[in-house]
Amino acid sequence: MKSSGGNTYTVQRGDTLYGIARKVYGASSDADIRRIVEANGGQLKSKDTPLKPGMKLAVPAKR
């Protein structure tokens, strides 16, 4: 699913923000993680917010 220049990612069991960033961006820098957290402010308060299977996260396009 497309979402404001990026994609939507459905969290799977065992996923982490670093793992999602690697899958989507090919890397997992702090800037990549911050970009995902900021795009999902309603669900993620910080990079340490626990992810739950089935959560749908907006993953903005890499700048």
PDB file of N, CA and C in Angstrom:
ATOM      1  N   MET A   1       0.839  -1.178   0.000  1.00  0.00           N
ATOM      2  CA  MET A   1       0.000   0.000   0.000  1.00  0.00           C
ATOM      3  C   MET A   1       0.884   1.240   0.000  1.00  0.00           C
ATOM      4  N   LYS A   2       0.562   2.182  -0.827  1.00  0.00           N
ATOM      5  CA  LYS A   2       1.307   3.444  -0.880  1.00  0.00           C
ATOM      6  C   LYS A   2       0.745   4.401   0.157  1.00  0.00           C
ATOM      7  N   SER A   3       1.633   5.223   0.714  1.00  0.00           N
ATOM      8  CA  SER A   3       1.199   6.183   1.715  1.00  0.00           C
ATOM      9  C   SER A   3       2.155   7.365   1.724  1.00  0.00           C
ATOM     10  N   SER A   4       1.712   8.507   1.279  1.00  0.00           N
ATOM     11  CA  SER A   4       2.471   9.759   1.277  1.00  0.00           C
ATOM     12  C   SER A   4       3.941   9.590   0.877  1.00  0.00           C
ATOM     13  N   GLY A   5       4.165   9.057  -0.309  1.00  0.00           N
ATOM     14  CA  GLY A   5       5.523   8.935  -0.805  1.00  0.00           C
ATOM     15  C   GLY A   5       6.279   7.755  -0.240  1.00  0.00           C
ATOM     16  N   GLY A   6       5.626   6.893   0.486  1.00  0.00           N
ATOM     17  CA  GLY A   6       6.286   5.735   1.072  1.00  0.00           C
ATOM     18  C   GLY A   6       5.383   4.527   0.980  1.00  0.00           C
ATOM     19  N   ASN A   7       5.570   3.619   1.892  1.00  0.00           N
ATOM     20  CA  ASN A   7       4.791   2.396   1.912  1.00  0.00           C
ATOM     21  C   ASN A   7       4.222   2.159   3.296  1.00  0.00           C
ATOM     22  N   THR A   8       3.342   1.183   3.370  1.00  0.00           N
ATOM     23  CA  THR A   8       2.841   0.712   4.646  1.00  0.00           C
ATOM     24  C   THR A   8       3.429  -0.666   4.877  1.00  0.00           C
ATOM     25  N   TYR A   9       3.918  -0.904   6.074  1.00  0.00           N
ATOM     26  CA  TYR A   9       4.513  -2.184   6.430  1.00  0.00           C
ATOM     27  C   TYR A   9       3.692  -2.788   7.551  1.00  0.00           C
ATOM     28  N   THR A  10       3.326  -4.055   7.413  1.00  0.00           N
ATOM     29  CA  THR A  10       2.610  -4.765   8.466  1.00  0.00           C
ATOM     30  C   THR A  10       3.621  -5.534   9.307  1.00  0.00           C
ATOM     31  N   VAL A  11       3.651  -5.229  10.598  1.00  0.00           N
ATOM     32  CA  VAL A  11       4.609  -5.828  11.513  1.00  0.00           C
ATOM     33  C   VAL A  11       4.331  -7.323  11.654  1.00  0.00           C
ATOM     34  N   GLN A  12       5.405  -8.099  11.574  1.00  0.00           N
ATOM     35  CA  GLN A  12       5.348  -9.543  11.755  1.00  0.00           C
ATOM     36  C   GLN A  12       5.981  -9.889  13.112  1.00  0.00           C
ATOM     37  N   ARG A  13       5.663 -11.051  13.617  1.00  0.00           N
ATOM     38  CA  ARG A  13       6.241 -11.509  14.886  1.00  0.00           C
ATOM     39  C   ARG A  13       7.771 -11.471  14.798  1.00  0.00           C
ATOM     40  N   GLY A  14       8.400 -10.873  15.802  1.00  0.00           N
ATOM     41  CA  GLY A  14       9.851 -10.810  15.860  1.00  0.00           C
ATOM     42  C   GLY A  14      10.461  -9.598  15.170  1.00  0.00           C
ATOM     43  N   ASP A  15       9.652  -8.784  14.489  1.00  0.00           N
ATOM     44  CA  ASP A  15      10.174  -7.592  13.811  1.00  0.00           C
ATOM     45  C   ASP A  15      10.669  -6.562  14.811  1.00  0.00           C
ATOM     46  N   THR A  16      11.682  -5.820  14.386  1.00  0.00           N
ATOM     47  CA  THR A  16      12.173  -4.661  15.126  1.00  0.00           C
ATOM     48  C   THR A  16      12.214  -3.499  14.143  1.00  0.00           C
ATOM     49  N   LEU A  17      12.295  -2.287  14.658  1.00  0.00           N
ATOM     50  CA  LEU A  17      12.407  -1.131  13.761  1.00  0.00           C
ATOM     51  C   LEU A  17      13.686  -1.222  12.930  1.00  0.00           C
ATOM     52  N   TYR A  18      14.764  -1.701  13.537  1.00  0.00           N
ATOM     53  CA  TYR A  18      16.016  -1.837  12.791  1.00  0.00           C
ATOM     54  C   TYR A  18      15.866  -2.856  11.662  1.00  0.00           C
ATOM     55  N   GLY A  19      15.184  -3.954  11.941  1.00  0.00           N
ATOM     56  CA  GLY A  19      14.957  -4.967  10.916  1.00  0.00           C
ATOM     57  C   GLY A  19      14.063  -4.463   9.795  1.00  0.00           C
ATOM     58  N   ILE A  20      13.028  -3.720  10.151  1.00  0.00           N
ATOM     59  CA  ILE A  20      12.129  -3.156   9.140  1.00  0.00           C
ATOM     60  C   ILE A  20      12.895  -2.174   8.263  1.00  0.00           C
ATOM     61  N   ALA A  21      13.709  -1.320   8.883  1.00  0.00           N
ATOM     62  CA  ALA A  21      14.500  -0.358   8.104  1.00  0.00           C
ATOM     63  C   ALA A  21      15.437  -1.092   7.143  1.00  0.00           C
ATOM     64  N   ARG A  22      16.061  -2.173   7.591  1.00  0.00           N
ATOM     65  CA  ARG A  22      16.944  -2.953   6.708  1.00  0.00           C
ATOM     66  C   ARG A  22      16.174  -3.531   5.529  1.00  0.00           C
ATOM     67  N   LYS A  23      14.978  -4.063   5.807  1.00  0.00           N
ATOM     68  CA  LYS A  23      14.163  -4.655   4.727  1.00  0.00           C
ATOM     69  C   LYS A  23      13.741  -3.601   3.709  1.00  0.00           C
ATOM     70  N   VAL A  24      13.332  -2.437   4.199  1.00  0.00           N
ATOM     71  CA  VAL A  24      12.763  -1.412   3.334  1.00  0.00           C
ATOM     72  C   VAL A  24      13.828  -0.534   2.685  1.00  0.00           C
ATOM     73  N   TYR A  25      14.814  -0.118   3.475  1.00  0.00           N
ATOM     74  CA  TYR A  25      15.816   0.834   2.984  1.00  0.00           C
ATOM     75  C   TYR A  25      17.139   0.179   2.604  1.00  0.00           C
ATOM     76  N   GLY A  26      17.343  -1.069   3.004  1.00  0.00           N
ATOM     77  CA  GLY A  26      18.617  -1.726   2.737  1.00  0.00           C
ATOM     78  C   GLY A  26      19.665  -1.407   3.788  1.00  0.00           C
ATOM     79  N   ALA A  27      19.311  -0.619   4.788  1.00  0.00           N
ATOM     80  CA  ALA A  27      20.213  -0.245   5.882  1.00  0.00           C
ATOM     81  C   ALA A  27      19.353   0.146   7.079  1.00  0.00           C
ATOM     82  N   SER A  28      20.006   0.379   8.205  1.00  0.00           N
ATOM     83  CA  SER A  28      19.220   0.757   9.388  1.00  0.00           C
ATOM     84  C   SER A  28      19.977   1.784  10.224  1.00  0.00           C
ATOM     85  N   SER A  29      20.094   2.985   9.697  1.00  0.00           N
ATOM     86  CA  SER A  29      20.743   4.061  10.438  1.00  0.00           C
ATOM     87  C   SER A  29      19.758   4.657  11.450  1.00  0.00           C
ATOM     88  N   ASP A  30      20.306   5.413  12.391  1.00  0.00           N
ATOM     89  CA  ASP A  30      19.433   6.085  13.361  1.00  0.00           C
ATOM     90  C   ASP A  30      18.462   7.029  12.664  1.00  0.00           C
ATOM     91  N   ALA A  31      18.908   7.660  11.570  1.00  0.00           N
ATOM     92  CA  ALA A  31      18.026   8.568  10.813  1.00  0.00           C
ATOM     93  C   ALA A  31      16.863   7.788  10.196  1.00  0.00           C
ATOM     94  N   ASP A  32      17.118   6.570   9.713  1.00  0.00           N
ATOM     95  CA  ASP A  32      16.057   5.739   9.143  1.00  0.00           C
ATOM     96  C   ASP A  32      15.025   5.380  10.209  1.00  0.00           C
ATOM     97  N   ILE A  33      15.502   5.002  11.383  1.00  0.00           N
ATOM     98  CA  ILE A  33      14.604   4.634  12.484  1.00  0.00           C
ATOM     99  C   ILE A  33      13.789   5.848  12.906  1.00  0.00           C
ATOM    100  N   ARG A  34      14.436   6.993  13.054  1.00  0.00           N
ATOM    101  CA  ARG A  34      13.747   8.228  13.451  1.00  0.00           C
ATOM    102  C   ARG A  34      12.663   8.588  12.431  1.00  0.00           C
ATOM    103  N   ARG A  35      12.949   8.403  11.154  1.00  0.00           N
ATOM    104  CA  ARG A  35      11.982   8.696  10.086  1.00  0.00           C
ATOM    105  C   ARG A  35      10.730   7.831  10.258  1.00  0.00           C
ATOM    106  N   ILE A  36      10.912   6.548  10.557  1.00  0.00           N
ATOM    107  CA  ILE A  36       9.766   5.650  10.747  1.00  0.00           C
ATOM    108  C   ILE A  36       8.985   6.045  12.005  1.00  0.00           C
ATOM    109  N   VAL A  37       9.688   6.325  13.102  1.00  0.00           N
ATOM    110  CA  VAL A  37       9.020   6.714  14.347  1.00  0.00           C
ATOM    111  C   VAL A  37       8.210   7.993  14.138  1.00  0.00           C
ATOM    112  N   GLU A  38       8.803   8.990  13.489  1.00  0.00           N
ATOM    113  CA  GLU A  38       8.107  10.262  13.268  1.00  0.00           C
ATOM    114  C   GLU A  38       6.873  10.098  12.385  1.00  0.00           C
ATOM    115  N   ALA A  39       6.930   9.186  11.429  1.00  0.00           N
ATOM    116  CA  ALA A  39       5.789   8.957  10.534  1.00  0.00           C
ATOM    117  C   ALA A  39       4.655   8.212  11.231  1.00  0.00           C
ATOM    118  N   ASN A  40       4.948   7.644  12.397  1.00  0.00           N
ATOM    119  CA  ASN A  40       3.964   6.840  13.122  1.00  0.00           C
ATOM    120  C   ASN A  40       3.777   7.333  14.548  1.00  0.00           C
ATOM    121  N   GLY A  41       3.773   8.647  14.704  1.00  0.00           N
ATOM    122  CA  GLY A  41       3.672   9.248  16.033  1.00  0.00           C
ATOM    123  C   GLY A  41       2.486   8.796  16.851  1.00  0.00           C
ATOM    124  N   GLY A  42       1.406   8.406  16.197  1.00  0.00           N
ATOM    125  CA  GLY A  42       0.232   7.943  16.934  1.00  0.00           C
ATOM    126  C   GLY A  42       0.425   6.570  17.555  1.00  0.00           C
ATOM    127  N   GLN A  43       1.322   5.771  16.993  1.00  0.00           N
ATOM    128  CA  GLN A  43       1.554   4.414  17.484  1.00  0.00           C
ATOM    129  C   GLN A  43       2.901   4.248  18.177  1.00  0.00           C
ATOM    130  N   LEU A  44       3.886   4.983  17.695  1.00  0.00           N
ATOM    131  CA  LEU A  44       5.244   4.838  18.222  1.00  0.00           C
ATOM    132  C   LEU A  44       5.657   6.113  18.941  1.00  0.00           C
ATOM    133  N   LYS A  45       5.985   5.995  20.198  1.00  0.00           N
ATOM    134  CA  LYS A  45       6.431   7.160  20.973  1.00  0.00           C
ATOM    135  C   LYS A  45       7.941   7.339  20.864  1.00  0.00           C
ATOM    136  N   SER A  46       8.664   6.234  20.658  1.00  0.00           N
ATOM    137  CA  SER A  46      10.119   6.263  20.527  1.00  0.00           C
ATOM    138  C   SER A  46      10.553   4.996  19.803  1.00  0.00           C
ATOM    139  N   LYS A  47      11.850   4.899  19.546  1.00  0.00           N
ATOM    140  CA  LYS A  47      12.377   3.702  18.882  1.00  0.00           C
ATOM    141  C   LYS A  47      12.258   2.478  19.780  1.00  0.00           C
ATOM    142  N   ASP A  48      11.982   2.685  21.069  1.00  0.00           N
ATOM    143  CA  ASP A  48      11.870   1.577  22.024  1.00  0.00           C
ATOM    144  C   ASP A  48      10.438   1.085  22.228  1.00  0.00           C
ATOM    145  N   THR A  49       9.470   1.697  21.545  1.00  0.00           N
ATOM    146  CA  THR A  49       8.080   1.256  21.663  1.00  0.00           C
ATOM    147  C   THR A  49       7.971  -0.179  21.154  1.00  0.00           C
ATOM    148  N   PRO A  50       7.396  -1.086  21.950  1.00  0.00           N
ATOM    149  CA  PRO A  50       7.257  -2.476  21.493  1.00  0.00           C
ATOM    150  C   PRO A  50       6.367  -2.571  20.248  1.00  0.00           C
ATOM    151  N   LEU A  51       6.797  -3.374  19.297  1.00  0.00           N
ATOM    152  CA  LEU A  51       6.006  -3.611  18.090  1.00  0.00           C
ATOM    153  C   LEU A  51       5.143  -4.841  18.306  1.00  0.00           C
ATOM    154  N   LYS A  52       3.918  -4.781  17.803  1.00  0.00           N
ATOM    155  CA  LYS A  52       2.989  -5.907  17.928  1.00  0.00           C
ATOM    156  C   LYS A  52       2.638  -6.418  16.544  1.00  0.00           C
ATOM    157  N   PRO A  53       2.630  -7.735  16.356  1.00  0.00           N
ATOM    158  CA  PRO A  53       2.242  -8.282  15.054  1.00  0.00           C
ATOM    159  C   PRO A  53       0.896  -7.727  14.617  1.00  0.00           C
ATOM    160  N   GLY A  54       0.815  -7.369  13.340  1.00  0.00           N
ATOM    161  CA  GLY A  54      -0.416  -6.821  12.786  1.00  0.00           C
ATOM    162  C   GLY A  54      -0.447  -5.303  12.739  1.00  0.00           C
ATOM    163  N   MET A  55       0.448  -4.641  13.498  1.00  0.00           N
ATOM    164  CA  MET A  55       0.513  -3.177  13.430  1.00  0.00           C
ATOM    165  C   MET A  55       0.843  -2.778  12.000  1.00  0.00           C
ATOM    166  N   LYS A  56       0.198  -1.728  11.518  1.00  0.00           N
ATOM    167  CA  LYS A  56       0.506  -1.197  10.193  1.00  0.00           C
ATOM    168  C   LYS A  56       1.270   0.107  10.384  1.00  0.00           C
ATOM    169  N   LEU A  57       2.503   0.114   9.889  1.00  0.00           N
ATOM    170  CA  LEU A  57       3.359   1.277  10.043  1.00  0.00           C
ATOM    171  C   LEU A  57       3.580   1.962   8.705  1.00  0.00           C
ATOM    172  N   ALA A  58       3.489   3.275   8.716  1.00  0.00           N
ATOM    173  CA  ALA A  58       3.852   4.055   7.536  1.00  0.00           C
ATOM    174  C   ALA A  58       5.381   4.052   7.467  1.00  0.00           C
ATOM    175  N   VAL A  59       5.911   3.769   6.277  1.00  0.00           N
ATOM    176  CA  VAL A  59       7.357   3.784   6.075  1.00  0.00           C
ATOM    177  C   VAL A  59       7.631   4.785   4.968  1.00  0.00           C
ATOM    178  N   PRO A  60       8.062   6.006   5.352  1.00  0.00           N
ATOM    179  CA  PRO A  60       8.279   7.050   4.359  1.00  0.00           C
ATOM    180  C   PRO A  60       9.402   6.698   3.385  1.00  0.00           C
ATOM    181  N   ALA A  61       9.324   7.280   2.203  1.00  0.00           N
ATOM    182  CA  ALA A  61      10.393   7.085   1.224  1.00  0.00           C
ATOM    183  C   ALA A  61      11.683   7.642   1.790  1.00  0.00           C
ATOM    184  N   LYS A  62      12.785   6.993   1.471  1.00  0.00           N
ATOM    185  CA  LYS A  62      14.086   7.451   1.948  1.00  0.00           C
ATOM    186  C   LYS A  62      14.457   8.737   1.227  1.00  0.00           C
ATOM    187  N   ARG A  63      14.977   9.702   1.968  1.00  0.00           N
ATOM    188  CA  ARG A  63      15.345  11.001   1.372  1.00  0.00           C
ATOM    189  C   ARG A  63      16.709  10.923   0.750  1.00  0.00           C
TER     190      ARG A  63
END
